[in-house]
């Protein structure tokens, strides 16, 4: 599942998932929609933007982890704010990647996260 407010980045993430032979089950352009779609689809992985309208990525992450404590979430952020990133990891994010990201780096992170056993 992709939760990202930028249409351009959602398209890029969609392409990366397709190239890596992963099925996209849902997309969300804001935090409220992200939680709704997560509950409807229970995806294997969530690519979650930290800065989104209606509900920020940190709030979305906390709700996802309440719904499924074993959820695999890769935080995608333009902010290099280490404190925010650490808070997200403590709240349950599997890992993070900084924008702008390299396509091969994100693909590798996605594949590694999906192959990691549940918490």
PDB file of N, CA and C in Angstrom:
ATOM      1  N   UNK A   1       0.836  -1.170   0.000  1.00  0.00           N
ATOM      2  CA  UNK A   1       0.000   0.000   0.000  1.00  0.00           C
ATOM      3  C   UNK A   1       0.889   1.245   0.000  1.00  0.00           C
ATOM      4  N   UNK A   2       0.450   2.252  -0.734  1.00  0.00           N
ATOM      5  CA  UNK A   2       1.164   3.528  -0.788  1.00  0.00           C
ATOM      6  C   UNK A   2       0.309   4.595  -0.116  1.00  0.00           C
ATOM      7  N   UNK A   3       0.891   5.339   0.809  1.00  0.00           N
ATOM      8  CA  UNK A   3       0.232   6.483   1.439  1.00  0.00           C
ATOM      9  C   UNK A   3       1.150   7.686   1.242  1.00  0.00           C
ATOM     10  N   UNK A   4       0.833   8.485   0.244  1.00  0.00           N
ATOM     11  CA  UNK A   4       1.692   9.596  -0.182  1.00  0.00           C
ATOM     12  C   UNK A   4       0.820  10.668  -0.813  1.00  0.00           C
ATOM     13  N   UNK A   5       0.996  11.925  -0.413  1.00  0.00           N
ATOM     14  CA  UNK A   5       0.141  12.984  -0.955  1.00  0.00           C
ATOM     15  C   UNK A   5       0.563  13.468  -2.336  1.00  0.00           C
ATOM     16  N   UNK A   6       1.794  13.259  -2.733  1.00  0.00           N
ATOM     17  CA  UNK A   6       2.271  13.696  -4.049  1.00  0.00           C
ATOM     18  C   UNK A   6       1.934  12.652  -5.117  1.00  0.00           C
ATOM     19  N   UNK A   7       1.150  13.063  -6.103  1.00  0.00           N
ATOM     20  CA  UNK A   7       0.784  12.156  -7.195  1.00  0.00           C
ATOM     21  C   UNK A   7       2.018  11.659  -7.933  1.00  0.00           C
ATOM     22  N   UNK A   8       2.999  12.543  -8.160  1.00  0.00           N
ATOM     23  CA  UNK A   8       4.220  12.147  -8.868  1.00  0.00           C
ATOM     24  C   UNK A   8       4.970  11.049  -8.107  1.00  0.00           C
ATOM     25  N   UNK A   9       5.096  11.220  -6.818  1.00  0.00           N
ATOM     26  CA  UNK A   9       5.821  10.217  -6.028  1.00  0.00           C
ATOM     27  C   UNK A   9       5.012   8.926  -5.951  1.00  0.00           C
ATOM     28  N   UNK A  10       3.689   9.030  -5.845  1.00  0.00           N
ATOM     29  CA  UNK A  10       2.857   7.807  -5.864  1.00  0.00           C
ATOM     30  C   UNK A  10       3.070   7.041  -7.166  1.00  0.00           C
ATOM     31  N   UNK A  11       3.136   7.761  -8.288  1.00  0.00           N
ATOM     32  CA  UNK A  11       3.371   7.100  -9.578  1.00  0.00           C
ATOM     33  C   UNK A  11       4.723   6.396  -9.583  1.00  0.00           C
ATOM     34  N   UNK A  12       5.741   7.052  -9.066  1.00  0.00           N
ATOM     35  CA  UNK A  12       7.073   6.465  -9.008  1.00  0.00           C
ATOM     36  C   UNK A  12       7.070   5.227  -8.108  1.00  0.00           C
ATOM     37  N   UNK A  13       6.437   5.324  -6.949  1.00  0.00           N
ATOM     38  CA  UNK A  13       6.364   4.181  -6.029  1.00  0.00           C
ATOM     39  C   UNK A  13       5.604   3.018  -6.675  1.00  0.00           C
ATOM     40  N   UNK A  14       4.521   3.347  -7.375  1.00  0.00           N
ATOM     41  CA  UNK A  14       3.743   2.341  -8.105  1.00  0.00           C
ATOM     42  C   UNK A  14       4.643   1.594  -9.093  1.00  0.00           C
ATOM     43  N   UNK A  15       5.433   2.363  -9.861  1.00  0.00           N
ATOM     44  CA  UNK A  15       6.338   1.767 -10.854  1.00  0.00           C
ATOM     45  C   UNK A  15       7.376   0.859 -10.192  1.00  0.00           C
ATOM     46  N   UNK A  16       7.929   1.309  -9.076  1.00  0.00           N
ATOM     47  CA  UNK A  16       8.937   0.503  -8.369  1.00  0.00           C
ATOM     48  C   UNK A  16       8.327  -0.812  -7.901  1.00  0.00           C
ATOM     49  N   UNK A  17       7.126  -0.751  -7.309  1.00  0.00           N
ATOM     50  CA  UNK A  17       6.466  -1.977  -6.850  1.00  0.00           C
ATOM     51  C   UNK A  17       6.203  -2.921  -8.015  1.00  0.00           C
ATOM     52  N   UNK A  18       5.778  -2.365  -9.149  1.00  0.00           N
ATOM     53  CA  UNK A  18       5.498  -3.191 -10.321  1.00  0.00           C
ATOM     54  C   UNK A  18       6.767  -3.852 -10.850  1.00  0.00           C
ATOM     55  N   UNK A  19       7.844  -3.082 -10.952  1.00  0.00           N
ATOM     56  CA  UNK A  19       9.125  -3.620 -11.437  1.00  0.00           C
ATOM     57  C   UNK A  19       9.608  -4.748 -10.524  1.00  0.00           C
ATOM     58  N   UNK A  20       9.372  -4.596  -9.234  1.00  0.00           N
ATOM     59  CA  UNK A  20       9.812  -5.605  -8.259  1.00  0.00           C
ATOM     60  C   UNK A  20       8.798  -6.739  -8.081  1.00  0.00           C
ATOM     61  N   UNK A  21       7.763  -6.755  -8.920  1.00  0.00           N
ATOM     62  CA  UNK A  21       6.728  -7.804  -8.908  1.00  0.00           C
ATOM     63  C   UNK A  21       5.927  -7.866  -7.612  1.00  0.00           C
ATOM     64  N   UNK A  22       5.634  -6.697  -7.048  1.00  0.00           N
ATOM     65  CA  UNK A  22       4.782  -6.621  -5.867  1.00  0.00           C
ATOM     66  C   UNK A  22       3.431  -6.062  -6.292  1.00  0.00           C
ATOM     67  N   UNK A  23       2.381  -6.567  -5.695  1.00  0.00           N
ATOM     68  CA  UNK A  23       1.037  -6.124  -6.037  1.00  0.00           C
ATOM     69  C   UNK A  23       0.635  -4.937  -5.161  1.00  0.00           C
ATOM     70  N   UNK A  24       0.166  -3.884  -5.809  1.00  0.00           N
ATOM     71  CA  UNK A  24      -0.324  -2.715  -5.096  1.00  0.00           C
ATOM     72  C   UNK A  24      -1.799  -2.945  -4.787  1.00  0.00           C
ATOM     73  N   UNK A  25      -2.154  -2.929  -3.496  1.00  0.00           N
ATOM     74  CA  UNK A  25      -3.544  -3.200  -3.111  1.00  0.00           C
ATOM     75  C   UNK A  25      -4.325  -1.934  -2.783  1.00  0.00           C
ATOM     76  N   UNK A  26      -3.613  -0.819  -2.504  1.00  0.00           N
ATOM     77  CA  UNK A  26      -4.317   0.420  -2.170  1.00  0.00           C
ATOM     78  C   UNK A  26      -3.365   1.599  -2.259  1.00  0.00           C
ATOM     79  N   UNK A  27      -3.981   2.768  -2.506  1.00  0.00           N
ATOM     80  CA  UNK A  27      -3.259   4.039  -2.500  1.00  0.00           C
ATOM     81  C   UNK A  27      -4.068   5.046  -1.698  1.00  0.00           C
ATOM     82  N   UNK A  28      -3.359   5.904  -0.997  1.00  0.00           N
ATOM     83  CA  UNK A  28      -4.025   6.965  -0.232  1.00  0.00           C
ATOM     84  C   UNK A  28      -3.249   8.257  -0.423  1.00  0.00           C
ATOM     85  N   UNK A  29      -3.992   9.364  -0.503  1.00  0.00           N
ATOM     86  CA  UNK A  29      -3.337  10.662  -0.700  1.00  0.00           C
ATOM     87  C   UNK A  29      -3.368  11.529   0.554  1.00  0.00           C
ATOM     88  N   UNK A  30      -3.990  11.021   1.622  1.00  0.00           N
ATOM     89  CA  UNK A  30      -3.955  11.733   2.899  1.00  0.00           C
ATOM     90  C   UNK A  30      -4.010  10.715   4.042  1.00  0.00           C
ATOM     91  N   UNK A  31      -3.766  11.195   5.247  1.00  0.00           N
ATOM     92  CA  UNK A  31      -3.676  10.305   6.390  1.00  0.00           C
ATOM     93  C   UNK A  31      -4.964   9.589   6.753  1.00  0.00           C
ATOM     94  N   UNK A  32      -6.091  10.277   6.639  1.00  0.00           N
ATOM     95  CA  UNK A  32      -7.375   9.663   6.976  1.00  0.00           C
ATOM     96  C   UNK A  32      -7.674   8.520   6.008  1.00  0.00           C
ATOM     97  N   UNK A  33      -7.460   8.789   4.717  1.00  0.00           N
ATOM     98  CA  UNK A  33      -7.678   7.767   3.693  1.00  0.00           C
ATOM     99  C   UNK A  33      -6.710   6.586   3.896  1.00  0.00           C
ATOM    100  N   UNK A  34      -5.496   6.870   4.328  1.00  0.00           N
ATOM    101  CA  UNK A  34      -4.498   5.818   4.547  1.00  0.00           C
ATOM    102  C   UNK A  34      -4.981   4.817   5.602  1.00  0.00           C
ATOM    103  N   UNK A  35      -5.531   5.319   6.688  1.00  0.00           N
ATOM    104  CA  UNK A  35      -6.019   4.432   7.753  1.00  0.00           C
ATOM    105  C   UNK A  35      -7.208   3.611   7.255  1.00  0.00           C
ATOM    106  N   UNK A  36      -8.132   4.259   6.554  1.00  0.00           N
ATOM    107  CA  UNK A  36      -9.298   3.549   6.012  1.00  0.00           C
ATOM    108  C   UNK A  36      -8.866   2.424   5.069  1.00  0.00           C
ATOM    109  N   UNK A  37      -7.946   2.753   4.159  1.00  0.00           N
ATOM    110  CA  UNK A  37      -7.509   1.753   3.180  1.00  0.00           C
ATOM    111  C   UNK A  37      -6.686   0.651   3.839  1.00  0.00           C
ATOM    112  N   UNK A  38      -5.918   1.003   4.864  1.00  0.00           N
ATOM    113  CA  UNK A  38      -5.165  -0.022   5.591  1.00  0.00           C
ATOM    114  C   UNK A  38      -6.132  -1.034   6.209  1.00  0.00           C
ATOM    115  N   UNK A  39      -7.173  -0.534   6.855  1.00  0.00           N
ATOM    116  CA  UNK A  39      -8.139  -1.428   7.507  1.00  0.00           C
ATOM    117  C   UNK A  39      -8.872  -2.294   6.480  1.00  0.00           C
ATOM    118  N   UNK A  40      -9.137  -1.751   5.299  1.00  0.00           N
ATOM    119  CA  UNK A  40      -9.862  -2.506   4.268  1.00  0.00           C
ATOM    120  C   UNK A  40      -8.994  -3.590   3.629  1.00  0.00           C
ATOM    121  N   UNK A  41      -7.695  -3.310   3.476  1.00  0.00           N
ATOM    122  CA  UNK A  41      -6.844  -4.230   2.700  1.00  0.00           C
ATOM    123  C   UNK A  41      -5.843  -5.030   3.527  1.00  0.00           C
ATOM    124  N   UNK A  42      -5.488  -4.539   4.710  1.00  0.00           N
ATOM    125  CA  UNK A  42      -4.462  -5.181   5.554  1.00  0.00           C
ATOM    126  C   UNK A  42      -3.249  -5.603   4.709  1.00  0.00           C
ATOM    127  N   UNK A  43      -2.564  -4.633   4.113  1.00  0.00           N
ATOM    128  CA  UNK A  43      -1.448  -4.940   3.203  1.00  0.00           C
ATOM    129  C   UNK A  43      -0.240  -5.533   3.916  1.00  0.00           C
ATOM    130  N   UNK A  44       0.594  -6.194   3.145  1.00  0.00           N
ATOM    131  CA  UNK A  44       1.835  -6.762   3.683  1.00  0.00           C
ATOM    132  C   UNK A  44       2.848  -5.668   4.028  1.00  0.00           C
ATOM    133  N   UNK A  45       2.732  -4.533   3.347  1.00  0.00           N
ATOM    134  CA  UNK A  45       3.694  -3.449   3.523  1.00  0.00           C
ATOM    135  C   UNK A  45       3.007  -2.119   3.241  1.00  0.00           C
ATOM    136  N   UNK A  46       3.394  -1.100   4.008  1.00  0.00           N
ATOM    137  CA  UNK A  46       2.899   0.261   3.770  1.00  0.00           C
ATOM    138  C   UNK A  46       4.097   1.166   3.520  1.00  0.00           C
ATOM    139  N   UNK A  47       4.052   1.890   2.404  1.00  0.00           N
ATOM    140  CA  UNK A  47       5.019   2.947   2.125  1.00  0.00           C
ATOM    141  C   UNK A  47       4.328   4.227   2.573  1.00  0.00           C
ATOM    142  N   UNK A  48       4.812   4.824   3.653  1.00  0.00           N
ATOM    143  CA  UNK A  48       4.100   5.908   4.335  1.00  0.00           C
ATOM    144  C   UNK A  48       4.899   7.203   4.350  1.00  0.00           C
ATOM    145  N   UNK A  49       4.317   8.241   3.761  1.00  0.00           N
ATOM    146  CA  UNK A  49       4.912   9.570   3.791  1.00  0.00           C
ATOM    147  C   UNK A  49       4.684  10.166   5.183  1.00  0.00           C
ATOM    148  N   UNK A  50       5.685  10.842   5.712  1.00  0.00           N
ATOM    149  CA  UNK A  50       5.564  11.438   7.044  1.00  0.00           C
ATOM    150  C   UNK A  50       4.701  12.699   7.036  1.00  0.00           C
ATOM    151  N   UNK A  51       4.821  13.498   5.970  1.00  0.00           N
ATOM    152  CA  UNK A  51       4.075  14.762   5.891  1.00  0.00           C
ATOM    153  C   UNK A  51       2.906  14.609   4.929  1.00  0.00           C
ATOM    154  N   UNK A  52       1.705  14.455   5.491  1.00  0.00           N
ATOM    155  CA  UNK A  52       0.502  14.309   4.670  1.00  0.00           C
ATOM    156  C   UNK A  52      -0.611  15.177   5.223  1.00  0.00           C
ATOM    157  N   UNK A  53      -1.567  15.551   4.356  1.00  0.00           N
ATOM    158  CA  UNK A  53      -2.710  16.331   4.840  1.00  0.00           C
ATOM    159  C   UNK A  53      -3.690  15.482   5.645  1.00  0.00           C
ATOM    160  N   UNK A  54      -4.541  16.152   6.395  1.00  0.00           N
ATOM    161  CA  UNK A  54      -5.619  15.605   7.225  1.00  0.00           C
ATOM    162  C   UNK A  54      -5.129  14.843   8.447  1.00  0.00           C
ATOM    163  N   UNK A  55      -4.066  14.069   8.311  1.00  0.00           N
ATOM    164  CA  UNK A  55      -3.489  13.349   9.451  1.00  0.00           C
ATOM    165  C   UNK A  55      -2.046  13.042   9.069  1.00  0.00           C
ATOM    166  N   UNK A  56      -1.099  13.449   9.909  1.00  0.00           N
ATOM    167  CA  UNK A  56       0.308  13.257   9.556  1.00  0.00           C
ATOM    168  C   UNK A  56       0.724  11.786   9.650  1.00  0.00           C
ATOM    169  N   UNK A  57       1.854  11.492   9.040  1.00  0.00           N
ATOM    170  CA  UNK A  57       2.346  10.120   8.976  1.00  0.00           C
ATOM    171  C   UNK A  57       2.579   9.482  10.334  1.00  0.00           C
ATOM    172  N   UNK A  58       3.021  10.258  11.311  1.00  0.00           N
ATOM    173  CA  UNK A  58       3.251   9.712  12.653  1.00  0.00           C
ATOM    174  C   UNK A  58       1.941   9.237  13.265  1.00  0.00           C
ATOM    175  N   UNK A  59       0.880  10.033  13.127  1.00  0.00           N
ATOM    176  CA  UNK A  59      -0.432   9.625  13.646  1.00  0.00           C
ATOM    177  C   UNK A  59      -0.947   8.394  12.917  1.00  0.00           C
ATOM    178  N   UNK A  60      -0.748   8.375  11.605  1.00  0.00           N
ATOM    179  CA  UNK A  60      -1.168   7.219  10.800  1.00  0.00           C
ATOM    180  C   UNK A  60      -0.406   5.978  11.257  1.00  0.00           C
ATOM    181  N   UNK A  61       0.896   6.110  11.434  1.00  0.00           N
ATOM    182  CA  UNK A  61       1.722   4.989  11.887  1.00  0.00           C
ATOM    183  C   UNK A  61       1.221   4.437  13.216  1.00  0.00           C
ATOM    184  N   UNK A  62       0.950   5.312  14.155  1.00  0.00           N
ATOM    185  CA  UNK A  62       0.473   4.855  15.475  1.00  0.00           C
ATOM    186  C   UNK A  62      -0.854   4.099  15.347  1.00  0.00           C
ATOM    187  N   UNK A  63      -1.757   4.598  14.506  1.00  0.00           N
ATOM    188  CA  UNK A  63      -3.040   3.908  14.327  1.00  0.00           C
ATOM    189  C   UNK A  63      -2.859   2.566  13.637  1.00  0.00           C
ATOM    190  N   UNK A  64      -1.994   2.528  12.626  1.00  0.00           N
ATOM    191  CA  UNK A  64      -1.712   1.260  11.935  1.00  0.00           C
ATOM    192  C   UNK A  64      -1.175   0.241  12.926  1.00  0.00           C
ATOM    193  N   UNK A  65      -0.266   0.663  13.792  1.00  0.00           N
ATOM    194  CA  UNK A  65       0.339  -0.266  14.751  1.00  0.00           C
ATOM    195  C   UNK A  65      -0.671  -0.738  15.793  1.00  0.00           C
ATOM    196  N   UNK A  66      -1.688   0.081  16.104  1.00  0.00           N
ATOM    197  CA  UNK A  66      -2.761  -0.367  17.003  1.00  0.00           C
ATOM    198  C   UNK A  66      -3.610  -1.428  16.309  1.00  0.00           C
ATOM    199  N   UNK A  67      -3.860  -1.234  15.018  1.00  0.00           N
ATOM    200  CA  UNK A  67      -4.676  -2.172  14.249  1.00  0.00           C
ATOM    201  C   UNK A  67      -3.924  -3.484  14.057  1.00  0.00           C
ATOM    202  N   UNK A  68      -2.630  -3.378  13.695  1.00  0.00           N
ATOM    203  CA  UNK A  68      -1.810  -4.563  13.463  1.00  0.00           C
ATOM    204  C   UNK A  68      -0.389  -4.307  13.961  1.00  0.00           C
ATOM    205  N   UNK A  69      -0.076  -4.745  15.172  1.00  0.00           N
ATOM    206  CA  UNK A  69       1.259  -4.512  15.733  1.00  0.00           C
ATOM    207  C   UNK A  69       2.397  -5.127  14.915  1.00  0.00           C
ATOM    208  N   UNK A  70       2.074  -6.044  14.015  1.00  0.00           N
ATOM    209  CA  UNK A  70       3.093  -6.672  13.167  1.00  0.00           C
ATOM    210  C   UNK A  70       3.201  -6.022  11.793  1.00  0.00           C
ATOM    211  N   UNK A  71       2.492  -4.917  11.574  1.00  0.00           N
ATOM    212  CA  UNK A  71       2.513  -4.253  10.264  1.00  0.00           C
ATOM    213  C   UNK A  71       3.941  -3.840   9.904  1.00  0.00           C
ATOM    214  N   UNK A  72       4.239  -3.967   8.624  1.00  0.00           N
ATOM    215  CA  UNK A  72       5.537  -3.532   8.111  1.00  0.00           C
ATOM    216  C   UNK A  72       5.323  -2.190   7.413  1.00  0.00           C
ATOM    217  N   UNK A  73       5.989  -1.172   7.943  1.00  0.00           N
ATOM    218  CA  UNK A  73       5.817   0.186   7.440  1.00  0.00           C
ATOM    219  C   UNK A  73       7.190   0.781   7.141  1.00  0.00           C
ATOM    220  N   UNK A  74       7.346   1.243   5.901  1.00  0.00           N
ATOM    221  CA  UNK A  74       8.550   1.979   5.532  1.00  0.00           C
ATOM    222  C   UNK A  74       8.158   3.450   5.483  1.00  0.00           C
ATOM    223  N   UNK A  75       8.781   4.220   6.318  1.00  0.00           N
ATOM    224  CA  UNK A  75       8.528   5.646   6.379  1.00  0.00           C
ATOM    225  C   UNK A  75       9.330   6.325   5.272  1.00  0.00           C
ATOM    226  N   UNK A  76       8.665   7.181   4.506  1.00  0.00           N
ATOM    227  CA  UNK A  76       9.345   7.933   3.452  1.00  0.00           C
ATOM    228  C   UNK A  76       9.223   9.403   3.816  1.00  0.00           C
ATOM    229  N   UNK A  77      10.359  10.060   3.969  1.00  0.00           N
ATOM    230  CA  UNK A  77      10.330  11.443   4.442  1.00  0.00           C
ATOM    231  C   UNK A  77      11.391  12.305   3.769  1.00  0.00           C
ATOM    232  N   UNK A  78      11.045  13.558   3.571  1.00  0.00           N
ATOM    233  CA  UNK A  78      12.005  14.532   3.056  1.00  0.00           C
ATOM    234  C   UNK A  78      12.769  15.169   4.210  1.00  0.00           C
ATOM    235  N   UNK A  79      12.263  14.974   5.410  1.00  0.00           N
ATOM    236  CA  UNK A  79      12.877  15.569   6.595  1.00  0.00           C
ATOM    237  C   UNK A  79      13.998  14.675   7.110  1.00  0.00           C
ATOM    238  N   UNK A  80      15.152  15.263   7.273  1.00  0.00           N
ATOM    239  CA  UNK A  80      16.257  14.524   7.860  1.00  0.00           C
ATOM    240  C   UNK A  80      16.267  14.658   9.373  1.00  0.00           C
ATOM    241  N   UNK A  81      15.128  15.064   9.940  1.00  0.00           N
ATOM    242  CA  UNK A  81      15.009  15.275  11.376  1.00  0.00           C
ATOM    243  C   UNK A  81      15.134  13.928  12.094  1.00  0.00           C
ATOM    244  N   UNK A  82      16.295  13.714  12.671  1.00  0.00           N
ATOM    245  CA  UNK A  82      16.590  12.430  13.309  1.00  0.00           C
ATOM    246  C   UNK A  82      15.632  12.115  14.453  1.00  0.00           C
ATOM    247  N   UNK A  83      15.213  13.133  15.184  1.00  0.00           N
ATOM    248  CA  UNK A  83      14.292  12.916  16.305  1.00  0.00           C
ATOM    249  C   UNK A  83      12.959  12.352  15.807  1.00  0.00           C
ATOM    250  N   UNK A  84      12.420  12.930  14.733  1.00  0.00           N
ATOM    251  CA  UNK A  84      11.162  12.432  14.162  1.00  0.00           C
ATOM    252  C   UNK A  84      11.313  11.008  13.657  1.00  0.00           C
ATOM    253  N   UNK A  85      12.413  10.740  12.999  1.00  0.00           N
ATOM    254  CA  UNK A  85      12.659   9.398  12.471  1.00  0.00           C
ATOM    255  C   UNK A  85      12.766   8.391  13.615  1.00  0.00           C
ATOM    256  N   UNK A  86      13.480   8.740  14.676  1.00  0.00           N
ATOM    257  CA  UNK A  86      13.621   7.853  15.824  1.00  0.00           C
ATOM    258  C   UNK A  86      12.262   7.592  16.481  1.00  0.00           C
ATOM    259  N   UNK A  87      11.437   8.631  16.582  1.00  0.00           N
ATOM    260  CA  UNK A  87      10.095   8.466  17.150  1.00  0.00           C
ATOM    261  C   UNK A  87       9.280   7.481  16.317  1.00  0.00           C
ATOM    262  N   UNK A  88       9.403   7.569  15.005  1.00  0.00           N
ATOM    263  CA  UNK A  88       8.664   6.663  14.118  1.00  0.00           C
ATOM    264  C   UNK A  88       9.152   5.224  14.261  1.00  0.00           C
ATOM    265  N   UNK A  89      10.442   5.041  14.380  1.00  0.00           N
ATOM    266  CA  UNK A  89      10.989   3.691  14.570  1.00  0.00           C
ATOM    267  C   UNK A  89      10.512   3.137  15.911  1.00  0.00           C
ATOM    268  N   UNK A  90      10.538   3.964  16.950  1.00  0.00           N
ATOM    269  CA  UNK A  90      10.053   3.531  18.267  1.00  0.00           C
ATOM    270  C   UNK A  90       8.557   3.221  18.233  1.00  0.00           C
ATOM    271  N   UNK A  91       7.810   3.940  17.384  1.00  0.00           N
ATOM    272  CA  UNK A  91       6.363   3.723  17.279  1.00  0.00           C
ATOM    273  C   UNK A  91       6.028   2.496  16.436  1.00  0.00           C
ATOM    274  N   UNK A  92       7.039   1.912  15.777  1.00  0.00           N
ATOM    275  CA  UNK A  92       6.786   0.665  15.056  1.00  0.00           C
ATOM    276  C   UNK A  92       7.172   0.614  13.596  1.00  0.00           C
ATOM    277  N   UNK A  93       7.635   1.734  13.017  1.00  0.00           N
ATOM    278  CA  UNK A  93       8.062   1.693  11.622  1.00  0.00           C
ATOM    279  C   UNK A  93       9.199   0.688  11.470  1.00  0.00           C
ATOM    280  N   UNK A  94       9.172  -0.058  10.384  1.00  0.00           N
ATOM    281  CA  UNK A  94      10.219  -1.054  10.138  1.00  0.00           C
ATOM    282  C   UNK A  94      11.544  -0.376   9.815  1.00  0.00           C
ATOM    283  N   UNK A  95      11.477   0.671   9.005  1.00  0.00           N
ATOM    284  CA  UNK A  95      12.654   1.423   8.606  1.00  0.00           C
ATOM    285  C   UNK A  95      12.188   2.712   7.949  1.00  0.00           C
ATOM    286  N   UNK A  96      13.120   3.471   7.431  1.00  0.00           N
ATOM    287  CA  UNK A  96      12.778   4.715   6.757  1.00  0.00           C
ATOM    288  C   UNK A  96      13.702   4.907   5.563  1.00  0.00           C
ATOM    289  N   UNK A  97      13.279   5.782   4.678  1.00  0.00           N
ATOM    290  CA  UNK A  97      14.122   6.177   3.554  1.00  0.00           C
ATOM    291  C   UNK A  97      13.888   7.665   3.318  1.00  0.00           C
ATOM    292  N   UNK A  98      14.962   8.387   3.012  1.00  0.00           N
ATOM    293  CA  UNK A  98      14.874   9.826   2.822  1.00  0.00           C
ATOM    294  C   UNK A  98      14.629  10.183   1.360  1.00  0.00           C
ATOM    295  N   UNK A  99      13.773  11.197   1.155  1.00  0.00           N
ATOM    296  CA  UNK A  99      13.588  11.770  -0.179  1.00  0.00           C
ATOM    297  C   UNK A  99      14.662  12.836  -0.364  1.00  0.00           C
ATOM    298  N   UNK A 100      15.201  12.995  -1.535  1.00  0.00           N
ATOM    299  CA  UNK A 100      14.960  12.159  -2.702  1.00  0.00           C
ATOM    300  C   UNK A 100      15.688  10.824  -2.541  1.00  0.00           C
ATOM    301  N   UNK A 101      15.024   9.758  -2.921  1.00  0.00           N
ATOM    302  CA  UNK A 101      15.617   8.433  -2.773  1.00  0.00           C
ATOM    303  C   UNK A 101      16.060   7.910  -4.132  1.00  0.00           C
ATOM    304  N   UNK A 102      16.977   6.951  -4.070  1.00  0.00           N
ATOM    305  CA  UNK A 102      17.408   6.270  -5.283  1.00  0.00           C
ATOM    306  C   UNK A 102      16.468   5.083  -5.485  1.00  0.00           C
ATOM    307  N   UNK A 103      16.043   4.864  -6.699  1.00  0.00           N
ATOM    308  CA  UNK A 103      15.081   3.810  -6.996  1.00  0.00           C
ATOM    309  C   UNK A 103      15.586   2.449  -6.541  1.00  0.00           C
ATOM    310  N   UNK A 104      16.840   2.135  -6.844  1.00  0.00           N
ATOM    311  CA  UNK A 104      17.373   0.823  -6.450  1.00  0.00           C
ATOM    312  C   UNK A 104      17.477   0.682  -4.932  1.00  0.00           C
ATOM    313  N   UNK A 105      17.754   1.791  -4.246  1.00  0.00           N
ATOM    314  CA  UNK A 105      17.828   1.763  -2.779  1.00  0.00           C
ATOM    315  C   UNK A 105      16.446   1.476  -2.179  1.00  0.00           C
ATOM    316  N   UNK A 106      15.415   2.138  -2.711  1.00  0.00           N
ATOM    317  CA  UNK A 106      14.066   1.899  -2.211  1.00  0.00           C
ATOM    318  C   UNK A 106      13.615   0.483  -2.542  1.00  0.00           C
ATOM    319  N   UNK A 107      13.892   0.025  -3.750  1.00  0.00           N
ATOM    320  CA  UNK A 107      13.516  -1.347  -4.136  1.00  0.00           C
ATOM    321  C   UNK A 107      14.163  -2.359  -3.198  1.00  0.00           C
ATOM    322  N   UNK A 108      15.428  -2.153  -2.889  1.00  0.00           N
ATOM    323  CA  UNK A 108      16.138  -3.046  -1.972  1.00  0.00           C
ATOM    324  C   UNK A 108      15.525  -2.993  -0.571  1.00  0.00           C
ATOM    325  N   UNK A 109      15.175  -1.800  -0.108  1.00  0.00           N
ATOM    326  CA  UNK A 109      14.562  -1.632   1.215  1.00  0.00           C
ATOM    327  C   UNK A 109      13.211  -2.336   1.267  1.00  0.00           C
ATOM    328  N   UNK A 110      12.414  -2.193   0.218  1.00  0.00           N
ATOM    329  CA  UNK A 110      11.107  -2.855   0.146  1.00  0.00           C
ATOM    330  C   UNK A 110      11.284  -4.368   0.223  1.00  0.00           C
ATOM    331  N   UNK A 111      12.155  -4.900  -0.611  1.00  0.00           N
ATOM    332  CA  UNK A 111      12.357  -6.353  -0.646  1.00  0.00           C
ATOM    333  C   UNK A 111      12.906  -6.884   0.671  1.00  0.00           C
ATOM    334  N   UNK A 112      13.826  -6.155   1.269  1.00  0.00           N
ATOM    335  CA  UNK A 112      14.392  -6.579   2.554  1.00  0.00           C
ATOM    336  C   UNK A 112      13.313  -6.565   3.643  1.00  0.00           C
ATOM    337  N   UNK A 113      12.531  -5.498   3.678  1.00  0.00           N
ATOM    338  CA  UNK A 113      11.481  -5.396   4.701  1.00  0.00           C
ATOM    339  C   UNK A 113      10.448  -6.506   4.555  1.00  0.00           C
ATOM    340  N   UNK A 114      10.052  -6.792   3.329  1.00  0.00           N
ATOM    341  CA  UNK A 114       9.061  -7.863   3.112  1.00  0.00           C
ATOM    342  C   UNK A 114       9.613  -9.234   3.466  1.00  0.00           C
ATOM    343  N   UNK A 115      10.919  -9.418   3.317  1.00  0.00           N
ATOM    344  CA  UNK A 115      11.507 -10.732   3.611  1.00  0.00           C
ATOM    345  C   UNK A 115      11.881 -10.908   5.084  1.00  0.00           C
ATOM    346  N   UNK A 116      11.802  -9.823   5.857  1.00  0.00           N
ATOM    347  CA  UNK A 116      12.118  -9.883   7.293  1.00  0.00           C
ATOM    348  C   UNK A 116      10.961 -10.522   8.039  1.00  0.00           C
ATOM    349  N   UNK A 117      11.234 -11.482   8.934  1.00  0.00           N
ATOM    350  CA  UNK A 117      10.147 -12.093   9.703  1.00  0.00           C
ATOM    351  C   UNK A 117       9.395 -11.051  10.519  1.00  0.00           C
ATOM    352  N   UNK A 118       8.133 -11.340  10.809  1.00  0.00           N
ATOM    353  CA  UNK A 118       7.307 -10.424  11.610  1.00  0.00           C
ATOM    354  C   UNK A 118       7.928 -10.229  12.978  1.00  0.00           C
ATOM    355  N   UNK A 119       7.585  -9.101  13.573  1.00  0.00           N
ATOM    356  CA  UNK A 119       8.127  -8.745  14.904  1.00  0.00           C
ATOM    357  C   UNK A 119       7.595  -9.680  15.960  1.00  0.00           C
TER     358      UNK A 119
END
